[in-house]
N, C-alpha and C. Protein backbone atom coordinates (compact mmCIF):
# COMPACT_ATOMS: atom_id res chain seq x y z
N MET A 1 -35.64 -20.80 -8.80
CA MET A 1 -35.05 -19.95 -9.90
C MET A 1 -34.14 -18.78 -9.66
N ALA A 2 -34.51 -18.03 -8.63
CA ALA A 2 -33.94 -16.74 -8.16
C ALA A 2 -32.59 -16.91 -7.59
N LYS A 3 -32.34 -18.10 -6.77
CA LYS A 3 -31.33 -18.76 -6.34
C LYS A 3 -30.33 -19.01 -7.46
N GLU A 4 -30.62 -19.71 -8.52
CA GLU A 4 -29.72 -19.94 -9.67
C GLU A 4 -29.35 -18.98 -10.29
N ILE A 5 -30.08 -17.91 -10.64
CA ILE A 5 -29.55 -16.47 -10.97
C ILE A 5 -28.62 -15.95 -10.35
N MET A 6 -28.80 -16.04 -8.90
CA MET A 6 -27.82 -15.31 -7.98
C MET A 6 -26.44 -15.91 -8.33
N ILE A 7 -26.57 -17.20 -8.30
CA ILE A 7 -25.49 -18.01 -8.17
C ILE A 7 -24.57 -17.90 -9.53
N ALA A 8 -25.25 -17.61 -10.62
CA ALA A 8 -24.96 -17.27 -11.85
C ALA A 8 -24.34 -16.12 -11.87
N VAL A 9 -24.78 -15.13 -11.34
CA VAL A 9 -24.48 -13.86 -11.30
C VAL A 9 -22.94 -13.49 -10.40
N ASP A 10 -23.15 -14.32 -9.57
CA ASP A 10 -21.78 -14.38 -8.39
C ASP A 10 -20.75 -15.22 -9.19
N ALA A 11 -21.01 -16.10 -9.92
CA ALA A 11 -20.18 -16.83 -10.47
C ALA A 11 -19.34 -15.97 -11.64
N GLN A 12 -20.02 -14.97 -12.05
CA GLN A 12 -19.66 -14.22 -13.20
C GLN A 12 -18.91 -13.22 -12.56
N ASP A 13 -19.22 -12.53 -11.66
CA ASP A 13 -18.56 -11.61 -10.74
C ASP A 13 -17.15 -12.43 -10.36
N ALA A 14 -17.11 -13.59 -10.08
CA ALA A 14 -15.69 -14.06 -9.48
C ALA A 14 -15.00 -14.42 -10.66
N GLN A 15 -15.39 -14.64 -12.10
CA GLN A 15 -14.55 -14.82 -13.12
C GLN A 15 -14.12 -13.45 -13.36
N ASP A 16 -15.00 -12.25 -13.49
CA ASP A 16 -14.46 -11.27 -13.97
C ASP A 16 -13.24 -10.66 -13.01
N GLU A 17 -13.56 -10.71 -11.68
CA GLU A 17 -12.52 -10.53 -10.47
C GLU A 17 -11.16 -11.11 -10.95
N GLN A 18 -11.56 -12.43 -11.12
CA GLN A 18 -10.31 -13.38 -11.21
C GLN A 18 -9.28 -12.90 -12.46
N ALA A 19 -10.00 -12.52 -13.57
CA ALA A 19 -9.42 -11.96 -14.69
C ALA A 19 -8.90 -10.62 -14.54
N SER A 20 -9.29 -9.83 -13.48
CA SER A 20 -8.71 -8.65 -13.35
C SER A 20 -7.35 -8.80 -12.35
N VAL A 21 -7.52 -9.57 -11.59
CA VAL A 21 -6.23 -9.57 -10.54
C VAL A 21 -5.05 -9.60 -11.05
N GLY A 22 -4.05 -8.76 -10.69
CA GLY A 22 -2.66 -8.69 -11.11
C GLY A 22 -2.63 -7.76 -12.18
N GLN A 23 -3.73 -7.25 -12.98
CA GLN A 23 -3.35 -6.39 -13.97
C GLN A 23 -3.66 -4.87 -13.43
N GLU A 24 -2.72 -4.21 -13.80
CA GLU A 24 -2.38 -2.77 -13.53
C GLU A 24 -3.55 -2.02 -14.22
N ALA A 25 -4.10 -0.80 -13.66
CA ALA A 25 -4.63 0.19 -14.57
C ALA A 25 -4.10 0.54 -15.89
N PRO A 26 -4.64 0.57 -16.98
CA PRO A 26 -3.86 0.79 -18.13
C PRO A 26 -3.33 2.29 -18.10
N GLY A 27 -1.82 2.55 -18.50
CA GLY A 27 -1.44 3.63 -18.40
C GLY A 27 -0.70 4.14 -17.04
N PHE A 28 -0.97 3.25 -16.27
CA PHE A 28 -0.35 3.99 -14.62
C PHE A 28 0.97 3.32 -14.33
N GLY A 29 1.36 2.23 -14.86
CA GLY A 29 2.62 1.43 -14.70
C GLY A 29 3.80 2.64 -14.78
N PRO A 30 3.90 3.26 -15.76
CA PRO A 30 5.09 4.07 -15.83
C PRO A 30 4.98 5.47 -14.91
N GLN A 31 3.87 5.85 -14.63
CA GLN A 31 3.42 6.88 -13.63
C GLN A 31 3.93 6.63 -12.40
N VAL A 32 3.48 5.18 -12.04
CA VAL A 32 3.94 4.87 -10.84
C VAL A 32 5.30 4.55 -10.44
N GLU A 33 6.08 3.98 -11.47
CA GLU A 33 7.51 3.85 -11.48
C GLU A 33 8.06 5.04 -11.35
N GLU A 34 7.66 6.07 -12.19
CA GLU A 34 8.32 7.50 -11.86
C GLU A 34 8.13 8.07 -10.72
N ALA A 35 6.71 8.06 -10.19
CA ALA A 35 6.70 8.62 -8.66
C ALA A 35 7.53 7.64 -7.68
N GLU A 36 7.87 6.34 -7.79
CA GLU A 36 8.38 5.76 -6.73
C GLU A 36 10.01 6.12 -6.99
N GLN A 37 10.37 6.28 -8.11
CA GLN A 37 11.65 6.78 -8.33
C GLN A 37 12.12 8.30 -7.79
N LEU A 38 11.05 9.05 -8.08
CA LEU A 38 11.09 10.30 -7.46
C LEU A 38 11.26 10.29 -6.10
N ASP A 39 10.58 9.62 -5.34
CA ASP A 39 10.31 9.54 -4.20
C ASP A 39 11.61 8.93 -3.35
N LYS A 40 12.37 7.92 -4.05
CA LYS A 40 13.76 7.39 -3.66
C LYS A 40 14.74 8.54 -3.79
N GLU A 41 14.88 9.64 -4.86
CA GLU A 41 15.66 10.44 -4.96
C GLU A 41 15.41 11.37 -4.17
N LEU A 42 14.20 11.66 -3.74
CA LEU A 42 14.05 12.88 -2.32
C LEU A 42 14.71 12.49 -1.28
N PHE A 43 14.38 10.68 -0.74
CA PHE A 43 14.81 10.45 0.50
C PHE A 43 16.29 10.35 0.45
N ALA A 44 16.90 9.97 -0.61
CA ALA A 44 18.42 10.07 -0.81
C ALA A 44 19.03 11.54 -0.57
N GLU A 45 18.24 12.29 -1.13
CA GLU A 45 18.59 13.76 -1.04
C GLU A 45 18.86 14.21 0.37
N VAL A 46 17.66 13.79 1.17
CA VAL A 46 17.68 14.53 2.66
C VAL A 46 18.43 13.34 3.57
N SER A 47 19.07 12.39 2.95
CA SER A 47 19.95 11.51 3.89
C SER A 47 20.93 12.20 4.38
N PRO A 48 21.43 12.10 5.74
CA PRO A 48 22.66 12.65 6.35
C PRO A 48 23.58 12.10 5.55
N LYS A 49 24.52 12.91 5.20
CA LYS A 49 25.93 12.40 4.71
C LYS A 49 27.18 12.77 5.39
N GLY A 50 27.93 11.78 5.50
CA GLY A 50 29.03 11.93 6.53
C GLY A 50 29.77 10.68 6.76
N ARG A 51 30.48 10.60 7.96
CA ARG A 51 31.01 9.50 8.46
C ARG A 51 30.44 8.83 9.59
N PHE A 52 29.62 7.72 9.42
CA PHE A 52 28.89 7.24 10.77
C PHE A 52 29.27 5.78 11.03
N SER A 53 29.79 5.62 12.43
CA SER A 53 30.21 4.44 12.76
C SER A 53 29.07 3.47 13.05
N SER A 54 29.21 2.27 13.00
CA SER A 54 27.77 1.24 13.41
C SER A 54 27.80 1.80 15.31
N LYS A 55 28.92 1.96 15.63
CA LYS A 55 29.06 2.09 17.30
C LYS A 55 28.49 3.49 17.75
N ALA A 56 27.98 4.48 16.85
CA ALA A 56 26.99 5.48 17.16
C ALA A 56 25.81 5.19 16.38
N LEU A 57 25.60 4.50 15.46
CA LEU A 57 24.41 4.21 14.73
C LEU A 57 23.22 3.39 15.61
N ASN A 58 23.85 2.38 16.01
CA ASN A 58 22.95 1.23 16.89
C ASN A 58 22.58 2.08 18.03
N PRO A 59 23.14 3.02 18.87
CA PRO A 59 22.49 3.69 20.01
C PRO A 59 21.12 4.34 19.41
N LEU A 60 21.38 4.93 18.18
CA LEU A 60 20.52 5.58 17.37
C LEU A 60 19.25 4.53 16.96
N VAL A 61 19.72 3.29 16.76
CA VAL A 61 18.50 2.53 16.18
C VAL A 61 17.73 1.87 17.33
N LYS A 62 18.51 1.89 18.56
CA LYS A 62 17.58 1.44 19.86
C LYS A 62 16.76 2.63 20.20
N ALA A 63 17.20 3.86 20.22
CA ALA A 63 16.31 5.06 20.49
C ALA A 63 14.95 5.15 19.58
N THR A 64 15.37 4.79 18.24
CA THR A 64 14.42 4.75 17.04
C THR A 64 13.63 3.40 17.31
N ASN A 65 13.89 2.26 17.80
CA ASN A 65 12.72 1.24 18.26
C ASN A 65 12.26 1.61 19.40
N SER A 66 12.39 2.49 20.42
CA SER A 66 11.63 3.05 21.41
C SER A 66 10.55 3.87 21.20
N LEU A 67 10.83 4.67 20.12
CA LEU A 67 9.80 5.49 19.53
C LEU A 67 8.92 5.12 18.48
N LEU A 68 9.31 4.20 17.66
CA LEU A 68 8.46 3.56 16.75
C LEU A 68 6.92 3.16 17.36
N PRO A 69 6.80 2.64 18.46
CA PRO A 69 5.46 2.00 18.73
C PRO A 69 4.54 3.16 18.68
N MET A 70 5.04 4.48 18.96
CA MET A 70 3.97 5.70 19.00
C MET A 70 3.34 5.85 17.81
N PHE A 71 4.09 5.45 16.75
CA PHE A 71 3.56 5.54 15.35
C PHE A 71 2.91 4.26 14.61
N ASP A 72 2.70 3.58 15.65
CA ASP A 72 1.96 2.33 15.38
C ASP A 72 2.82 1.38 14.33
N GLN A 73 3.97 1.15 14.68
CA GLN A 73 5.18 0.57 14.13
C GLN A 73 5.88 -0.44 15.17
N THR A 74 6.03 -1.46 14.49
CA THR A 74 6.79 -2.34 15.35
C THR A 74 8.30 -2.22 15.71
N PRO A 75 8.70 -2.20 16.82
CA PRO A 75 10.28 -1.63 17.16
C PRO A 75 10.97 -2.70 16.60
N ASP A 76 11.46 -2.98 15.55
CA ASP A 76 12.15 -3.93 15.25
C ASP A 76 13.13 -3.50 14.10
N TYR A 77 13.46 -2.19 14.13
CA TYR A 77 14.52 -1.69 13.03
C TYR A 77 15.87 -2.40 13.45
N PRO A 78 16.68 -3.24 12.76
CA PRO A 78 17.42 -3.76 12.75
C PRO A 78 18.96 -2.97 12.96
N GLU A 79 19.94 -3.44 13.79
CA GLU A 79 21.05 -2.84 14.03
C GLU A 79 21.98 -2.89 12.92
N PHE A 80 23.04 -2.12 12.62
CA PHE A 80 23.85 -1.79 11.81
C PHE A 80 24.92 -2.73 12.03
N ASN A 81 25.70 -3.36 10.74
CA ASN A 81 26.59 -4.32 11.06
C ASN A 81 27.97 -3.35 11.42
N THR A 82 28.81 -3.99 11.70
CA THR A 82 30.14 -3.11 11.96
C THR A 82 30.89 -2.69 10.84
N GLY A 83 31.37 -1.25 11.03
CA GLY A 83 31.82 -0.61 10.15
C GLY A 83 31.34 0.89 9.97
N THR A 84 31.54 1.52 8.96
CA THR A 84 31.55 2.89 8.71
C THR A 84 30.46 3.37 7.48
N TYR A 85 29.68 3.95 7.98
CA TYR A 85 28.43 4.17 6.55
C TYR A 85 28.68 5.60 6.24
N GLU A 86 28.49 6.13 5.13
CA GLU A 86 28.69 7.57 4.55
C GLU A 86 27.25 8.12 4.23
N THR A 87 26.32 7.35 4.20
CA THR A 87 24.69 7.97 4.18
C THR A 87 23.91 6.61 4.91
N TRP A 88 22.54 7.08 5.12
CA TRP A 88 21.65 6.15 5.77
C TRP A 88 20.96 5.44 4.72
N PRO A 89 20.47 4.04 5.19
CA PRO A 89 19.55 3.48 4.36
C PRO A 89 18.05 4.01 4.09
N GLU A 90 17.46 4.11 3.09
CA GLU A 90 16.12 4.74 2.69
C GLU A 90 15.31 4.49 3.71
N ASP A 91 15.07 3.18 4.04
CA ASP A 91 14.03 3.10 5.43
C ASP A 91 14.37 3.83 6.60
N PHE A 92 15.50 4.04 6.83
CA PHE A 92 15.70 4.82 8.01
C PHE A 92 15.65 6.12 7.80
N VAL A 93 15.90 6.95 6.80
CA VAL A 93 15.48 8.04 6.46
C VAL A 93 14.20 8.53 6.56
N ARG A 94 13.35 7.59 6.05
CA ARG A 94 12.08 7.49 5.93
C ARG A 94 11.42 7.26 7.49
N ILE A 95 12.04 6.85 8.31
CA ILE A 95 11.42 6.73 9.69
C ILE A 95 11.84 7.99 10.21
N PHE A 96 13.24 8.67 10.16
CA PHE A 96 13.57 9.74 10.57
C PHE A 96 12.58 11.15 10.12
N SER A 97 12.09 10.97 8.61
CA SER A 97 11.33 11.94 8.16
C SER A 97 10.07 11.93 8.97
N MET A 98 9.54 10.94 9.21
CA MET A 98 8.26 10.78 9.83
C MET A 98 8.61 11.15 11.34
N PHE A 99 9.50 11.25 12.21
CA PHE A 99 9.66 11.60 13.43
C PHE A 99 10.16 13.28 13.20
N SER A 100 10.59 13.57 12.24
CA SER A 100 10.92 14.91 12.37
C SER A 100 9.73 15.87 12.02
N ALA A 101 8.77 15.24 11.12
CA ALA A 101 7.50 15.95 10.89
C ALA A 101 6.67 15.90 12.29
N ALA A 102 6.66 14.95 12.81
CA ALA A 102 5.74 14.65 13.92
C ALA A 102 6.24 15.66 15.20
N SER A 103 7.67 15.71 15.34
CA SER A 103 8.30 16.57 16.30
C SER A 103 7.89 17.94 16.01
N ARG A 104 8.16 18.51 14.78
CA ARG A 104 8.00 19.88 14.47
C ARG A 104 6.60 20.17 14.54
N ASP A 105 5.45 19.29 14.30
CA ASP A 105 4.15 19.48 14.68
C ASP A 105 3.79 19.69 16.02
N ALA A 106 4.53 18.91 16.92
CA ALA A 106 4.33 18.84 18.26
C ALA A 106 5.03 20.27 18.92
N ALA A 107 5.99 20.72 18.45
CA ALA A 107 6.72 21.72 18.95
C ALA A 107 5.91 22.91 18.60
N ALA A 108 5.25 23.23 17.46
CA ALA A 108 4.46 24.28 16.86
C ALA A 108 3.24 24.15 17.70
N GLU A 109 2.73 23.24 18.34
CA GLU A 109 1.75 23.20 19.49
C GLU A 109 2.03 23.09 20.69
N ASP A 110 3.38 23.53 20.98
CA ASP A 110 3.70 23.66 22.26
C ASP A 110 3.58 22.31 23.20
N VAL A 111 3.72 21.07 22.50
CA VAL A 111 3.58 19.95 23.15
C VAL A 111 4.95 19.55 23.66
N ILE A 112 5.99 19.77 23.10
CA ILE A 112 7.36 19.74 23.45
C ILE A 112 7.97 20.91 23.14
N LYS A 113 9.32 21.03 23.74
CA LYS A 113 10.16 22.20 23.33
C LYS A 113 10.61 22.11 22.12
N SER A 114 11.03 23.12 21.64
CA SER A 114 11.53 23.29 20.41
C SER A 114 13.03 22.20 20.27
N GLU A 115 13.86 22.38 21.36
CA GLU A 115 14.94 21.71 21.16
C GLU A 115 15.09 20.38 21.01
N LEU A 116 13.60 19.85 20.95
CA LEU A 116 13.50 18.58 20.90
C LEU A 116 13.20 17.96 19.34
N VAL A 117 12.90 19.01 18.59
CA VAL A 117 12.46 19.01 17.21
C VAL A 117 13.54 17.83 16.52
N ILE A 118 13.29 16.84 16.18
CA ILE A 118 14.24 15.85 15.36
C ILE A 118 14.59 16.46 14.10
N ASP A 119 15.94 16.97 13.88
CA ASP A 119 16.37 17.63 12.47
C ASP A 119 17.69 16.73 12.33
N PHE A 120 17.38 15.64 11.22
CA PHE A 120 18.42 14.99 10.90
C PHE A 120 19.29 14.99 9.90
N ALA A 121 18.73 15.81 8.77
CA ALA A 121 19.30 15.96 7.60
C ALA A 121 21.00 16.57 7.57
N ASP A 122 21.23 17.30 8.61
CA ASP A 122 22.32 18.18 8.53
C ASP A 122 23.46 17.20 9.71
N ALA A 123 23.00 16.08 9.96
CA ALA A 123 24.02 15.12 10.85
C ALA A 123 25.16 14.78 9.92
N THR A 124 26.56 14.97 10.47
CA THR A 124 27.73 14.41 9.45
C THR A 124 28.49 13.59 10.32
N SER A 125 28.24 13.80 11.98
CA SER A 125 29.22 12.73 12.71
C SER A 125 28.76 12.00 13.31
N ASP A 126 29.48 11.53 14.31
CA ASP A 126 28.70 10.23 15.36
C ASP A 126 28.38 11.21 16.71
N ASN A 127 28.93 12.32 16.66
CA ASN A 127 28.65 13.49 17.74
C ASN A 127 27.13 13.73 17.33
N ASP A 128 26.95 13.98 16.00
CA ASP A 128 25.56 14.53 15.79
C ASP A 128 24.64 13.23 15.97
N LEU A 129 24.96 12.01 15.63
CA LEU A 129 24.39 10.88 16.02
C LEU A 129 23.78 10.57 17.33
N GLN A 130 24.80 11.14 18.27
CA GLN A 130 24.44 10.95 19.91
C GLN A 130 23.45 11.89 20.17
N MET A 131 23.52 13.05 19.49
CA MET A 131 22.62 14.28 19.89
C MET A 131 21.00 13.64 19.27
N LEU A 132 21.23 13.03 18.43
CA LEU A 132 19.64 12.61 17.74
C LEU A 132 19.21 11.43 18.68
N ALA A 133 19.88 10.69 18.97
CA ALA A 133 19.55 9.46 19.83
C ALA A 133 19.08 9.99 21.27
N GLY A 134 19.64 10.93 21.58
CA GLY A 134 19.27 11.50 22.91
C GLY A 134 17.78 12.17 22.70
N LYS A 135 17.78 12.92 21.63
CA LYS A 135 16.38 13.67 21.58
C LYS A 135 15.17 12.55 21.17
N VAL A 136 15.63 11.48 20.41
CA VAL A 136 14.47 10.33 20.10
C VAL A 136 14.16 9.66 21.32
N GLN A 137 15.19 9.43 22.18
CA GLN A 137 14.91 8.63 23.34
C GLN A 137 14.18 9.55 24.07
N ALA A 138 14.45 10.76 24.52
CA ALA A 138 13.70 11.81 25.18
C ALA A 138 12.24 11.94 24.61
N LEU A 139 12.03 11.92 23.06
CA LEU A 139 10.62 11.94 22.94
C LEU A 139 9.73 10.88 23.28
N SER A 140 10.33 9.73 23.18
CA SER A 140 9.75 8.57 23.45
C SER A 140 9.12 8.37 25.13
N LYS A 141 9.89 9.01 25.78
CA LYS A 141 9.50 9.45 27.38
C LYS A 141 8.40 10.29 27.91
N ILE A 142 8.44 11.23 27.03
CA ILE A 142 7.39 12.49 27.38
C ILE A 142 5.83 12.03 27.06
N LYS A 143 5.26 12.06 28.24
CA LYS A 143 3.84 11.60 28.36
C LYS A 143 2.98 12.52 27.28
N ASP A 144 3.09 13.86 27.59
CA ASP A 144 2.35 14.69 26.74
C ASP A 144 2.48 14.41 25.18
N PHE A 145 3.73 14.10 24.69
CA PHE A 145 4.00 13.79 23.50
C PHE A 145 3.14 12.44 22.99
N LYS A 146 3.47 11.63 23.97
CA LYS A 146 2.50 10.25 23.63
C LYS A 146 1.06 10.50 23.54
N LYS A 147 0.70 11.39 24.37
CA LYS A 147 -1.25 11.64 24.31
C LYS A 147 -1.35 12.48 23.00
N TRP A 148 -0.40 13.29 22.64
CA TRP A 148 -0.54 14.01 21.47
C TRP A 148 -0.52 13.15 20.14
N MET A 149 0.50 12.28 20.13
CA MET A 149 0.45 11.14 18.91
C MET A 149 -0.80 10.27 19.11
N LYS A 150 -1.62 10.14 20.06
CA LYS A 150 -2.64 9.22 19.92
C LYS A 150 -3.87 9.96 19.57
N LYS A 151 -4.09 11.22 19.51
CA LYS A 151 -4.82 12.22 19.01
C LYS A 151 -5.46 12.11 17.79
N PRO A 152 -6.61 11.84 17.26
CA PRO A 152 -7.01 11.99 15.76
C PRO A 152 -6.45 13.25 14.95
N ARG A 153 -5.88 13.10 14.13
CA ARG A 153 -5.51 14.33 13.06
C ARG A 153 -6.84 14.92 12.15
N GLU A 154 -6.84 15.86 11.93
CA GLU A 154 -7.61 16.36 11.00
C GLU A 154 -6.83 16.14 9.66
N GLU A 155 -7.67 15.89 8.69
CA GLU A 155 -7.06 15.41 7.45
C GLU A 155 -6.76 16.67 6.53
N VAL A 156 -5.82 17.11 5.96
CA VAL A 156 -5.80 18.39 5.38
C VAL A 156 -6.18 18.19 3.99
N VAL A 157 -7.09 18.77 3.58
CA VAL A 157 -7.80 18.68 2.17
C VAL A 157 -7.29 19.79 1.33
N VAL A 158 -6.54 19.41 0.48
CA VAL A 158 -5.89 20.25 -0.56
C VAL A 158 -6.78 20.36 -1.81
N GLU A 159 -7.43 21.67 -2.22
CA GLU A 159 -8.12 21.89 -3.05
C GLU A 159 -7.49 22.44 -4.04
N PRO A 160 -8.11 21.76 -5.46
CA PRO A 160 -7.23 22.50 -6.72
C PRO A 160 -7.58 23.90 -6.75
N VAL A 161 -6.56 24.76 -7.19
CA VAL A 161 -6.58 26.03 -7.35
C VAL A 161 -6.85 26.11 -8.80
N THR A 162 -8.22 26.93 -8.99
CA THR A 162 -8.49 27.43 -10.47
C THR A 162 -8.32 28.80 -10.55
N GLU A 163 -8.05 29.01 -11.70
CA GLU A 163 -7.82 30.36 -12.15
C GLU A 163 -9.18 31.19 -12.75
N ASP A 164 -9.71 32.15 -12.18
CA ASP A 164 -10.75 32.95 -12.37
C ASP A 164 -10.52 33.96 -13.43
N THR A 165 -10.88 33.45 -14.80
CA THR A 165 -10.54 34.41 -15.96
C THR A 165 -11.73 35.70 -16.10
N GLY A 166 -12.63 35.59 -15.24
CA GLY A 166 -13.56 36.73 -15.39
C GLY A 166 -14.61 36.57 -16.21
N GLU A 167 -14.12 35.80 -17.29
CA GLU A 167 -15.25 35.59 -18.56
C GLU A 167 -16.53 34.51 -17.95
N THR A 168 -17.60 34.64 -18.62
CA THR A 168 -18.68 33.54 -18.33
C THR A 168 -18.50 32.76 -19.49
N ALA A 169 -19.09 31.40 -19.16
CA ALA A 169 -18.95 30.31 -20.14
C ALA A 169 -19.83 30.43 -20.99
N GLU A 170 -21.04 31.19 -20.76
CA GLU A 170 -22.29 31.48 -21.74
C GLU A 170 -21.96 32.77 -22.39
N MET A 171 -21.93 32.40 -23.90
CA MET A 171 -21.77 33.53 -24.79
C MET A 171 -22.88 33.41 -25.94
N ASN A 172 -23.28 34.73 -26.53
CA ASN A 172 -24.18 34.34 -27.38
C ASN A 172 -23.46 34.38 -28.86
N GLU A 173 -24.23 34.06 -29.91
CA GLU A 173 -23.69 33.76 -31.34
C GLU A 173 -22.70 34.85 -31.68
N ASP A 174 -23.24 36.08 -31.46
CA ASP A 174 -22.65 37.32 -31.98
C ASP A 174 -20.97 37.60 -31.25
N GLU A 175 -21.28 37.11 -29.78
CA GLU A 175 -19.78 37.21 -29.04
C GLU A 175 -19.19 36.29 -29.45
N ILE A 176 -19.49 35.03 -29.66
CA ILE A 176 -18.63 33.99 -30.20
C ILE A 176 -17.88 34.35 -31.42
N ASP A 177 -18.73 35.02 -32.58
CA ASP A 177 -18.31 35.42 -33.60
C ASP A 177 -17.06 36.59 -33.56
N GLU A 178 -17.65 37.30 -32.68
CA GLU A 178 -16.75 38.74 -32.38
C GLU A 178 -15.39 38.05 -31.74
N LEU A 179 -15.38 37.18 -30.93
CA LEU A 179 -14.13 36.49 -30.35
C LEU A 179 -13.51 35.87 -31.12
N PHE A 180 -13.74 35.19 -32.02
CA PHE A 180 -12.92 34.49 -33.28
C PHE A 180 -12.50 35.47 -34.02
N ALA A 181 -13.13 36.54 -34.28
CA ALA A 181 -12.69 37.54 -35.52
C ALA A 181 -11.55 38.30 -34.79
N SER A 182 -11.46 38.53 -33.38
CA SER A 182 -10.59 39.34 -32.93
C SER A 182 -9.27 38.39 -32.74
N ARG A 183 -9.20 37.04 -33.02
CA ARG A 183 -7.99 36.45 -32.92
C ARG A 183 -7.66 36.24 -34.37
N LEU A 184 -8.13 36.64 -35.26
CA LEU A 184 -7.55 36.54 -36.56
C LEU A 184 -6.67 37.40 -37.11
């Protein structure tokens, strides 16, 4: 008898789970879409703007692919087609944002020289891309940086800030009456 009950419970759980698959939590759809849109806008804002030839972008892609494995990502970013680009694709900006943050943190901990910090947002020309490619390629070969990247990081816990008003939550009836009277 116990097996039959277990099976019935499991079958009910399976039905419940199947019914909820593909459903979003109520009220979160618009918030998720809004957050995604904001995210896209922020990356578009930091995207380098200028005139970049595929001839200069592709060595940067090659350097990028040499550094991606340190971030547990496959080194398969595609090369750019022939032509000139005025901005970078969002996914390329995301990768460079990741490189930038890691290189800044590594420099702050004296793992790499500050000259190797990846600062891509101000790139406006092919010459700037050549400099970036050199920095990215150099980072991919620095053994101390590789070791540093493999170290586990402490999670930063952000606790909500609460404002202390100095008032206590407990008030007797006279104090409550006095508070209401003072607001009239």
